[in-house]
mmCIF file of all heavy atoms, coordinates in Angstrom:
data_MODEL
# 
_entry.id   MODEL 
# 
loop_
_atom_site.group_PDB 
_atom_site.id 
_atom_site.type_symbol 
_atom_site.label_atom_id 
_atom_site.label_alt_id 
_atom_site.label_comp_id 
_atom_site.label_asym_id 
_atom_site.label_entity_id 
_atom_site.label_seq_id 
_atom_site.pdbx_PDB_ins_code 
_atom_site.Cartn_x 
_atom_site.Cartn_y 
_atom_site.Cartn_z 
_atom_site.occupancy 
_atom_site.B_iso_or_equiv 
_atom_site.pdbx_formal_charge 
_atom_site.auth_seq_id 
_atom_site.auth_comp_id 
_atom_site.auth_asym_id 
_atom_site.auth_atom_id 
_atom_site.pdbx_PDB_model_num 
ATOM 1   N N   . GLY A 1 1  ? 0.758  -1.247  -0.002 1.00 0.00 ? 1  GLY A N   1 
ATOM 2   C CA  . GLY A 1 1  ? 0.022  0.036   -0.038 1.00 0.00 ? 1  GLY A CA  1 
ATOM 3   C C   . GLY A 1 1  ? 0.809  1.274   0.019  1.00 0.00 ? 1  GLY A C   1 
ATOM 4   O O   . GLY A 1 1  ? 0.262  2.364   -0.110 1.00 0.00 ? 1  GLY A O   1 
ATOM 5   N N   . GLY A 1 2  ? 2.114  1.162   0.083  1.00 0.00 ? 2  GLY A N   1 
ATOM 6   C CA  . GLY A 1 2  ? 2.909  2.393   0.064  1.00 0.00 ? 2  GLY A CA  1 
ATOM 7   C C   . GLY A 1 2  ? 2.959  3.015   -1.343 1.00 0.00 ? 2  GLY A C   1 
ATOM 8   O O   . GLY A 1 2  ? 2.435  2.320   -2.363 1.00 0.00 ? 2  GLY A O   1 
ATOM 9   N N   . GLY A 1 3  ? 3.532  4.128   -1.480 1.00 0.00 ? 3  GLY A N   1 
ATOM 10  C CA  . GLY A 1 3  ? 3.592  4.797   -2.716 1.00 0.00 ? 3  GLY A CA  1 
ATOM 11  C C   . GLY A 1 3  ? 4.083  6.273   -2.571 1.00 0.00 ? 3  GLY A C   1 
ATOM 12  O O   . GLY A 1 3  ? 4.520  6.633   -1.492 1.00 0.00 ? 3  GLY A O   1 
ATOM 13  N N   . LEU A 1 4  ? 3.888  6.962   -3.629 1.00 0.00 ? 4  LEU A N   1 
ATOM 14  C CA  . LEU A 1 4  ? 4.222  8.409   -3.774 1.00 0.00 ? 4  LEU A CA  1 
ATOM 15  C C   . LEU A 1 4  ? 3.058  9.249   -3.695 1.00 0.00 ? 4  LEU A C   1 
ATOM 16  O O   . LEU A 1 4  ? 2.113  9.090   -4.561 1.00 0.00 ? 4  LEU A O   1 
ATOM 17  C CB  . LEU A 1 4  ? 5.115  8.606   -5.003 1.00 0.00 ? 4  LEU A CB  1 
ATOM 18  C CG  . LEU A 1 4  ? 5.495  10.090  -5.318 1.00 0.00 ? 4  LEU A CG  1 
ATOM 19  C CD1 . LEU A 1 4  ? 6.378  10.632  -4.234 1.00 0.00 ? 4  LEU A CD1 1 
ATOM 20  C CD2 . LEU A 1 4  ? 6.166  10.146  -6.619 1.00 0.00 ? 4  LEU A CD2 1 
ATOM 21  N N   . VAL A 1 5  ? 2.967  10.152  -2.749 1.00 0.00 ? 5  VAL A N   1 
ATOM 22  C CA  . VAL A 1 5  ? 1.827  11.031  -2.649 1.00 0.00 ? 5  VAL A CA  1 
ATOM 23  C C   . VAL A 1 5  ? 2.314  12.498  -2.386 1.00 0.00 ? 5  VAL A C   1 
ATOM 24  O O   . VAL A 1 5  ? 3.372  12.641  -1.880 1.00 0.00 ? 5  VAL A O   1 
ATOM 25  C CB  . VAL A 1 5  ? 0.832  10.624  -1.519 1.00 0.00 ? 5  VAL A CB  1 
ATOM 26  C CG1 . VAL A 1 5  ? 0.278  9.232   -1.801 1.00 0.00 ? 5  VAL A CG1 1 
ATOM 27  C CG2 . VAL A 1 5  ? 1.589  10.558  -0.089 1.00 0.00 ? 5  VAL A CG2 1 
ATOM 28  N N   . GLN A 1 6  ? 1.448  13.402  -2.679 1.00 0.00 ? 6  GLN A N   1 
ATOM 29  C CA  . GLN A 1 6  ? 1.653  14.802  -2.338 1.00 0.00 ? 6  GLN A CA  1 
ATOM 30  C C   . GLN A 1 6  ? 1.394  15.092  -0.902 1.00 0.00 ? 6  GLN A C   1 
ATOM 31  O O   . GLN A 1 6  ? 0.568  14.408  -0.292 1.00 0.00 ? 6  GLN A O   1 
ATOM 32  C CB  . GLN A 1 6  ? 0.903  15.781  -3.238 1.00 0.00 ? 6  GLN A CB  1 
ATOM 33  C CG  . GLN A 1 6  ? 1.324  15.694  -4.725 1.00 0.00 ? 6  GLN A CG  1 
ATOM 34  C CD  . GLN A 1 6  ? 0.586  16.823  -5.451 1.00 0.00 ? 6  GLN A CD  1 
ATOM 35  O OE1 . GLN A 1 6  ? -0.582 16.983  -5.314 1.00 0.00 ? 6  GLN A OE1 1 
ATOM 36  N NE2 . GLN A 1 6  ? 1.248  17.290  -6.573 1.00 0.00 ? 6  GLN A NE2 1 
ATOM 37  N N   . ALA A 1 7  ? 2.040  16.104  -0.371 1.00 0.00 ? 7  ALA A N   1 
ATOM 38  C CA  . ALA A 1 7  ? 1.756  16.506  1.022  1.00 0.00 ? 7  ALA A CA  1 
ATOM 39  C C   . ALA A 1 7  ? 0.179  16.785  1.087  1.00 0.00 ? 7  ALA A C   1 
ATOM 40  O O   . ALA A 1 7  ? -0.393 17.342  0.240  1.00 0.00 ? 7  ALA A O   1 
ATOM 41  C CB  . ALA A 1 7  ? 2.557  17.753  1.381  1.00 0.00 ? 7  ALA A CB  1 
ATOM 42  N N   . GLY A 1 8  ? -0.303 16.298  2.292  1.00 0.00 ? 8  GLY A N   1 
ATOM 43  C CA  . GLY A 1 8  ? -1.794 16.354  2.416  1.00 0.00 ? 8  GLY A CA  1 
ATOM 44  C C   . GLY A 1 8  ? -2.614 15.265  2.006  1.00 0.00 ? 8  GLY A C   1 
ATOM 45  O O   . GLY A 1 8  ? -3.773 15.106  2.225  1.00 0.00 ? 8  GLY A O   1 
ATOM 46  N N   . GLY A 1 9  ? -1.943 14.321  1.218  1.00 0.00 ? 9  GLY A N   1 
ATOM 47  C CA  . GLY A 1 9  ? -2.587 13.195  0.693  1.00 0.00 ? 9  GLY A CA  1 
ATOM 48  C C   . GLY A 1 9  ? -2.684 12.044  1.711  1.00 0.00 ? 9  GLY A C   1 
ATOM 49  O O   . GLY A 1 9  ? -2.318 12.193  2.918  1.00 0.00 ? 9  GLY A O   1 
ATOM 50  N N   . SER A 1 10 ? -3.276 10.965  1.330  1.00 0.00 ? 10 SER A N   1 
ATOM 51  C CA  . SER A 1 10 ? -3.549 9.776   2.188  1.00 0.00 ? 10 SER A CA  1 
ATOM 52  C C   . SER A 1 10 ? -3.112 8.501   1.442  1.00 0.00 ? 10 SER A C   1 
ATOM 53  O O   . SER A 1 10 ? -3.196 8.374   0.256  1.00 0.00 ? 10 SER A O   1 
ATOM 54  C CB  . SER A 1 10 ? -5.010 9.718   2.612  1.00 0.00 ? 10 SER A CB  1 
ATOM 55  O OG  . SER A 1 10 ? -5.414 10.861  3.311  1.00 0.00 ? 10 SER A OG  1 
ATOM 56  N N   . LEU A 1 11 ? -2.748 7.470   2.332  1.00 0.00 ? 11 LEU A N   1 
ATOM 57  C CA  . LEU A 1 11 ? -2.505 6.197   1.944  1.00 0.00 ? 11 LEU A CA  1 
ATOM 58  C C   . LEU A 1 11 ? -3.016 5.253   2.951  1.00 0.00 ? 11 LEU A C   1 
ATOM 59  O O   . LEU A 1 11 ? -3.051 5.569   4.123  1.00 0.00 ? 11 LEU A O   1 
ATOM 60  C CB  . LEU A 1 11 ? -1.008 5.887   1.697  1.00 0.00 ? 11 LEU A CB  1 
ATOM 61  C CG  . LEU A 1 11 ? -0.341 6.522   0.458  1.00 0.00 ? 11 LEU A CG  1 
ATOM 62  C CD1 . LEU A 1 11 ? 1.257  6.273   0.687  1.00 0.00 ? 11 LEU A CD1 1 
ATOM 63  C CD2 . LEU A 1 11 ? -0.813 5.932   -0.775 1.00 0.00 ? 11 LEU A CD2 1 
ATOM 64  N N   . ARG A 1 12 ? -3.441 4.134   2.506  1.00 0.00 ? 12 ARG A N   1 
ATOM 65  C CA  . ARG A 1 12 ? -3.802 3.012   3.507  1.00 0.00 ? 12 ARG A CA  1 
ATOM 66  C C   . ARG A 1 12 ? -2.847 1.830   3.307  1.00 0.00 ? 12 ARG A C   1 
ATOM 67  O O   . ARG A 1 12 ? -2.833 1.271   2.209  1.00 0.00 ? 12 ARG A O   1 
ATOM 68  C CB  . ARG A 1 12 ? -5.206 2.536   3.299  1.00 0.00 ? 12 ARG A CB  1 
ATOM 69  C CG  . ARG A 1 12 ? -5.622 1.504   4.438  1.00 0.00 ? 12 ARG A CG  1 
ATOM 70  C CD  . ARG A 1 12 ? -7.053 1.164   4.513  1.00 0.00 ? 12 ARG A CD  1 
ATOM 71  N NE  . ARG A 1 12 ? -7.382 0.101   3.588  1.00 0.00 ? 12 ARG A NE  1 
ATOM 72  C CZ  . ARG A 1 12 ? -8.380 -0.774  3.737  1.00 0.00 ? 12 ARG A CZ  1 
ATOM 73  N NH1 . ARG A 1 12 ? -9.177 -0.716  4.871  1.00 0.00 ? 12 ARG A NH1 1 
ATOM 74  N NH2 . ARG A 1 12 ? -8.679 -1.703  2.872  1.00 0.00 ? 12 ARG A NH2 1 
ATOM 75  N N   . LEU A 1 13 ? -2.025 1.641   4.308  1.00 0.00 ? 13 LEU A N   1 
ATOM 76  C CA  . LEU A 1 13 ? -1.065 0.551   4.311  1.00 0.00 ? 13 LEU A CA  1 
ATOM 77  C C   . LEU A 1 13 ? -1.767 -0.692  4.891  1.00 0.00 ? 13 LEU A C   1 
ATOM 78  O O   . LEU A 1 13 ? -2.535 -0.644  5.823  1.00 0.00 ? 13 LEU A O   1 
ATOM 79  C CB  . LEU A 1 13 ? 0.153  0.907   5.132  1.00 0.00 ? 13 LEU A CB  1 
ATOM 80  C CG  . LEU A 1 13 ? 0.845  2.251   4.822  1.00 0.00 ? 13 LEU A CG  1 
ATOM 81  C CD1 . LEU A 1 13 ? 2.085  2.397   5.769  1.00 0.00 ? 13 LEU A CD1 1 
ATOM 82  C CD2 . LEU A 1 13 ? 1.158  2.362   3.404  1.00 0.00 ? 13 LEU A CD2 1 
ATOM 83  N N   . SER A 1 14 ? -1.311 -1.826  4.354  1.00 0.00 ? 14 SER A N   1 
ATOM 84  C CA  . SER A 1 14 ? -1.935 -3.153  4.727  1.00 0.00 ? 14 SER A CA  1 
ATOM 85  C C   . SER A 1 14 ? -0.774 -4.038  5.165  1.00 0.00 ? 14 SER A C   1 
ATOM 86  O O   . SER A 1 14 ? 0.287  -3.950  4.554  1.00 0.00 ? 14 SER A O   1 
ATOM 87  C CB  . SER A 1 14 ? -2.809 -3.834  3.664  1.00 0.00 ? 14 SER A CB  1 
ATOM 88  O OG  . SER A 1 14 ? -3.830 -3.008  3.354  1.00 0.00 ? 14 SER A OG  1 
ATOM 89  N N   . CYS A 1 15 ? -1.064 -4.886  6.100  1.00 0.00 ? 15 CYS A N   1 
ATOM 90  C CA  . CYS A 1 15 ? -0.056 -5.908  6.570  1.00 0.00 ? 15 CYS A CA  1 
ATOM 91  C C   . CYS A 1 15 ? -0.748 -7.179  6.648  1.00 0.00 ? 15 CYS A C   1 
ATOM 92  O O   . CYS A 1 15 ? -1.624 -7.361  7.536  1.00 0.00 ? 15 CYS A O   1 
ATOM 93  C CB  . CYS A 1 15 ? 0.561  -5.515  7.837  1.00 0.00 ? 15 CYS A CB  1 
ATOM 94  S SG  . CYS A 1 15 ? 1.734  -6.719  8.544  1.00 0.00 ? 15 CYS A SG  1 
ATOM 95  N N   . ALA A 1 16 ? -0.551 -8.150  5.822  1.00 0.00 ? 16 ALA A N   1 
ATOM 96  C CA  . ALA A 1 16 ? -1.127 -9.522  5.783  1.00 0.00 ? 16 ALA A CA  1 
ATOM 97  C C   . ALA A 1 16 ? -0.284 -10.470 6.503  1.00 0.00 ? 16 ALA A C   1 
ATOM 98  O O   . ALA A 1 16 ? 0.928  -10.574 6.280  1.00 0.00 ? 16 ALA A O   1 
ATOM 99  C CB  . ALA A 1 16 ? -1.374 -9.948  4.307  1.00 0.00 ? 16 ALA A CB  1 
ATOM 100 N N   . ALA A 1 17 ? -0.816 -11.202 7.452  1.00 0.00 ? 17 ALA A N   1 
ATOM 101 C CA  . ALA A 1 17 ? -0.113 -12.089 8.292  1.00 0.00 ? 17 ALA A CA  1 
ATOM 102 C C   . ALA A 1 17 ? -0.547 -13.487 7.957  1.00 0.00 ? 17 ALA A C   1 
ATOM 103 O O   . ALA A 1 17 ? -1.617 -13.841 7.593  1.00 0.00 ? 17 ALA A O   1 
ATOM 104 C CB  . ALA A 1 17 ? -0.441 -11.909 9.784  1.00 0.00 ? 17 ALA A CB  1 
ATOM 105 N N   . SER A 1 18 ? 0.433  -14.422 8.113  1.00 0.00 ? 18 SER A N   1 
ATOM 106 C CA  . SER A 1 18 ? 0.293  -15.808 7.822  1.00 0.00 ? 18 SER A CA  1 
ATOM 107 C C   . SER A 1 18 ? 1.262  -16.638 8.782  1.00 0.00 ? 18 SER A C   1 
ATOM 108 O O   . SER A 1 18 ? 2.153  -16.096 9.217  1.00 0.00 ? 18 SER A O   1 
ATOM 109 C CB  . SER A 1 18 ? 0.477  -16.241 6.475  1.00 0.00 ? 18 SER A CB  1 
ATOM 110 O OG  . SER A 1 18 ? 1.891  -15.955 6.024  1.00 0.00 ? 18 SER A OG  1 
ATOM 111 N N   . GLY A 1 19 ? 0.812  -17.888 8.936  1.00 0.00 ? 19 GLY A N   1 
ATOM 112 C CA  . GLY A 1 19 ? 1.681  -18.729 9.781  1.00 0.00 ? 19 GLY A CA  1 
ATOM 113 C C   . GLY A 1 19 ? 1.478  -18.708 11.325 1.00 0.00 ? 19 GLY A C   1 
ATOM 114 O O   . GLY A 1 19 ? 2.314  -19.313 12.032 1.00 0.00 ? 19 GLY A O   1 
ATOM 115 N N   . GLY A 1 20 ? 0.523  -17.997 11.786 1.00 0.00 ? 20 GLY A N   1 
ATOM 116 C CA  . GLY A 1 20 ? 0.232  -17.933 13.183 1.00 0.00 ? 20 GLY A CA  1 
ATOM 117 C C   . GLY A 1 20 ? -1.163 -17.595 13.482 1.00 0.00 ? 20 GLY A C   1 
ATOM 118 O O   . GLY A 1 20 ? -1.916 -17.468 12.516 1.00 0.00 ? 20 GLY A O   1 
ATOM 119 N N   . THR A 1 21 ? -1.576 -17.449 14.685 1.00 0.00 ? 21 THR A N   1 
ATOM 120 C CA  . THR A 1 21 ? -2.875 -17.171 15.095 1.00 0.00 ? 21 THR A CA  1 
ATOM 121 C C   . THR A 1 21 ? -2.899 -15.664 15.301 1.00 0.00 ? 21 THR A C   1 
ATOM 122 O O   . THR A 1 21 ? -2.493 -15.182 16.356 1.00 0.00 ? 21 THR A O   1 
ATOM 123 C CB  . THR A 1 21 ? -3.238 -17.913 16.471 1.00 0.00 ? 21 THR A CB  1 
ATOM 124 O OG1 . THR A 1 21 ? -3.202 -19.312 16.180 1.00 0.00 ? 21 THR A OG1 1 
ATOM 125 C CG2 . THR A 1 21 ? -4.773 -17.494 16.730 1.00 0.00 ? 21 THR A CG2 1 
ATOM 126 N N   . PHE A 1 22 ? -3.446 -15.007 14.301 1.00 0.00 ? 22 PHE A N   1 
ATOM 127 C CA  . PHE A 1 22 ? -3.275 -13.521 14.230 1.00 0.00 ? 22 PHE A CA  1 
ATOM 128 C C   . PHE A 1 22 ? -3.854 -12.801 15.472 1.00 0.00 ? 22 PHE A C   1 
ATOM 129 O O   . PHE A 1 22 ? -3.292 -11.915 15.955 1.00 0.00 ? 22 PHE A O   1 
ATOM 130 C CB  . PHE A 1 22 ? -4.000 -13.054 13.007 1.00 0.00 ? 22 PHE A CB  1 
ATOM 131 C CG  . PHE A 1 22 ? -3.813 -11.594 12.715 1.00 0.00 ? 22 PHE A CG  1 
ATOM 132 C CD1 . PHE A 1 22 ? -2.604 -10.936 12.431 1.00 0.00 ? 22 PHE A CD1 1 
ATOM 133 C CD2 . PHE A 1 22 ? -4.956 -10.703 12.750 1.00 0.00 ? 22 PHE A CD2 1 
ATOM 134 C CE1 . PHE A 1 22 ? -2.514 -9.660  12.241 1.00 0.00 ? 22 PHE A CE1 1 
ATOM 135 C CE2 . PHE A 1 22 ? -4.923 -9.425  12.565 1.00 0.00 ? 22 PHE A CE2 1 
ATOM 136 C CZ  . PHE A 1 22 ? -3.636 -8.812  12.212 1.00 0.00 ? 22 PHE A CZ  1 
ATOM 137 N N   . SER A 1 23 ? -5.002 -13.306 15.930 1.00 0.00 ? 23 SER A N   1 
ATOM 138 C CA  . SER A 1 23 ? -5.637 -12.598 17.008 1.00 0.00 ? 23 SER A CA  1 
ATOM 139 C C   . SER A 1 23 ? -4.970 -12.729 18.400 1.00 0.00 ? 23 SER A C   1 
ATOM 140 O O   . SER A 1 23 ? -5.248 -12.075 19.385 1.00 0.00 ? 23 SER A O   1 
ATOM 141 C CB  . SER A 1 23 ? -7.091 -13.122 17.214 1.00 0.00 ? 23 SER A CB  1 
ATOM 142 O OG  . SER A 1 23 ? -7.076 -14.538 17.544 1.00 0.00 ? 23 SER A OG  1 
ATOM 143 N N   . ARG A 1 24 ? -3.933 -13.605 18.403 1.00 0.00 ? 24 ARG A N   1 
ATOM 144 C CA  . ARG A 1 24 ? -3.162 -13.802 19.641 1.00 0.00 ? 24 ARG A CA  1 
ATOM 145 C C   . ARG A 1 24 ? -1.913 -12.736 19.750 1.00 0.00 ? 24 ARG A C   1 
ATOM 146 O O   . ARG A 1 24 ? -1.199 -12.794 20.812 1.00 0.00 ? 24 ARG A O   1 
ATOM 147 C CB  . ARG A 1 24 ? -2.589 -15.180 19.770 1.00 0.00 ? 24 ARG A CB  1 
ATOM 148 C CG  . ARG A 1 24 ? -3.718 -16.212 20.021 1.00 0.00 ? 24 ARG A CG  1 
ATOM 149 C CD  . ARG A 1 24 ? -3.167 -17.559 20.140 1.00 0.00 ? 24 ARG A CD  1 
ATOM 150 N NE  . ARG A 1 24 ? -4.155 -18.626 20.291 1.00 0.00 ? 24 ARG A NE  1 
ATOM 151 C CZ  . ARG A 1 24 ? -3.973 -19.857 20.415 1.00 0.00 ? 24 ARG A CZ  1 
ATOM 152 N NH1 . ARG A 1 24 ? -2.706 -20.295 20.398 1.00 0.00 ? 24 ARG A NH1 1 
ATOM 153 N NH2 . ARG A 1 24 ? -5.066 -20.701 20.653 1.00 0.00 ? 24 ARG A NH2 1 
ATOM 154 N N   . TYR A 1 25 ? -1.760 -11.953 18.788 1.00 0.00 ? 25 TYR A N   1 
ATOM 155 C CA  . TYR A 1 25 ? -0.638 -11.047 18.704 1.00 0.00 ? 25 TYR A CA  1 
ATOM 156 C C   . TYR A 1 25 ? -1.165 -9.545  18.750 1.00 0.00 ? 25 TYR A C   1 
ATOM 157 O O   . TYR A 1 25 ? -2.104 -9.159  18.028 1.00 0.00 ? 25 TYR A O   1 
ATOM 158 C CB  . TYR A 1 25 ? 0.177  -11.117 17.415 1.00 0.00 ? 25 TYR A CB  1 
ATOM 159 C CG  . TYR A 1 25 ? 0.822  -12.504 17.371 1.00 0.00 ? 25 TYR A CG  1 
ATOM 160 C CD1 . TYR A 1 25 ? 0.224  -13.607 16.828 1.00 0.00 ? 25 TYR A CD1 1 
ATOM 161 C CD2 . TYR A 1 25 ? 2.131  -12.641 17.909 1.00 0.00 ? 25 TYR A CD2 1 
ATOM 162 C CE1 . TYR A 1 25 ? 0.873  -14.860 16.689 1.00 0.00 ? 25 TYR A CE1 1 
ATOM 163 C CE2 . TYR A 1 25 ? 2.823  -13.855 17.832 1.00 0.00 ? 25 TYR A CE2 1 
ATOM 164 C CZ  . TYR A 1 25 ? 2.129  -14.954 17.283 1.00 0.00 ? 25 TYR A CZ  1 
ATOM 165 O OH  . TYR A 1 25 ? 2.845  -16.146 17.219 1.00 0.00 ? 25 TYR A OH  1 
ATOM 166 N N   . GLY A 1 26 ? -0.482 -8.728  19.594 1.00 0.00 ? 26 GLY A N   1 
ATOM 167 C CA  . GLY A 1 26 ? -0.609 -7.327  19.410 1.00 0.00 ? 26 GLY A CA  1 
ATOM 168 C C   . GLY A 1 26 ? 0.243  -6.969  18.129 1.00 0.00 ? 26 GLY A C   1 
ATOM 169 O O   . GLY A 1 26 ? 1.211  -7.633  17.724 1.00 0.00 ? 26 GLY A O   1 
ATOM 170 N N   . MET A 1 27 ? -0.218 -5.956  17.552 1.00 0.00 ? 27 MET A N   1 
ATOM 171 C CA  . MET A 1 27 ? 0.442  -5.559  16.255 1.00 0.00 ? 27 MET A CA  1 
ATOM 172 C C   . MET A 1 27 ? 0.889  -4.028  16.288 1.00 0.00 ? 27 MET A C   1 
ATOM 173 O O   . MET A 1 27 ? 0.367  -3.239  17.001 1.00 0.00 ? 27 MET A O   1 
ATOM 174 C CB  . MET A 1 27 ? -0.580 -5.714  15.081 1.00 0.00 ? 27 MET A CB  1 
ATOM 175 C CG  . MET A 1 27 ? -1.039 -7.066  14.830 1.00 0.00 ? 27 MET A CG  1 
ATOM 176 S SD  . MET A 1 27 ? 0.310  -8.224  14.318 1.00 0.00 ? 27 MET A SD  1 
ATOM 177 C CE  . MET A 1 27 ? 0.793  -7.459  12.753 1.00 0.00 ? 27 MET A CE  1 
ATOM 178 N N   . GLY A 1 28 ? 1.925  -3.741  15.591 1.00 0.00 ? 28 GLY A N   1 
ATOM 179 C CA  . GLY A 1 28 ? 2.468  -2.419  15.549 1.00 0.00 ? 28 GLY A CA  1 
ATOM 180 C C   . GLY A 1 28 ? 2.937  -2.012  14.206 1.00 0.00 ? 28 GLY A C   1 
ATOM 181 O O   . GLY A 1 28 ? 3.213  -2.883  13.306 1.00 0.00 ? 28 GLY A O   1 
ATOM 182 N N   . TRP A 1 29 ? 3.044  -0.713  14.050 1.00 0.00 ? 29 TRP A N   1 
ATOM 183 C CA  . TRP A 1 29 ? 3.690  -0.174  12.786 1.00 0.00 ? 29 TRP A CA  1 
ATOM 184 C C   . TRP A 1 29 ? 4.812  0.630   13.274 1.00 0.00 ? 29 TRP A C   1 
ATOM 185 O O   . TRP A 1 29 ? 4.744  1.488   14.242 1.00 0.00 ? 29 TRP A O   1 
ATOM 186 C CB  . TRP A 1 29 ? 2.665  0.713   11.970 1.00 0.00 ? 29 TRP A CB  1 
ATOM 187 C CG  . TRP A 1 29 ? 1.712  -0.019  11.199 1.00 0.00 ? 29 TRP A CG  1 
ATOM 188 C CD1 . TRP A 1 29 ? 0.440  -0.347  11.528 1.00 0.00 ? 29 TRP A CD1 1 
ATOM 189 C CD2 . TRP A 1 29 ? 1.888  -0.542  9.869  1.00 0.00 ? 29 TRP A CD2 1 
ATOM 190 N NE1 . TRP A 1 29 ? -0.194 -1.008  10.554 1.00 0.00 ? 29 TRP A NE1 1 
ATOM 191 C CE2 . TRP A 1 29 ? 0.633  -1.214  9.531  1.00 0.00 ? 29 TRP A CE2 1 
ATOM 192 C CE3 . TRP A 1 29 ? 2.891  -0.461  8.993  1.00 0.00 ? 29 TRP A CE3 1 
ATOM 193 C CZ2 . TRP A 1 29 ? 0.461  -1.710  8.243  1.00 0.00 ? 29 TRP A CZ2 1 
ATOM 194 C CZ3 . TRP A 1 29 ? 2.755  -1.114  7.768  1.00 0.00 ? 29 TRP A CZ3 1 
ATOM 195 C CH2 . TRP A 1 29 ? 1.454  -1.728  7.370  1.00 0.00 ? 29 TRP A CH2 1 
# 
């Protein structure tokens, strides 16, 4: 979801998880 944007713009970053029980982890950026 990253990219090049102008100041004032928006992006939505996504992080897809696999190999574990996702709900058992706290997540961070």
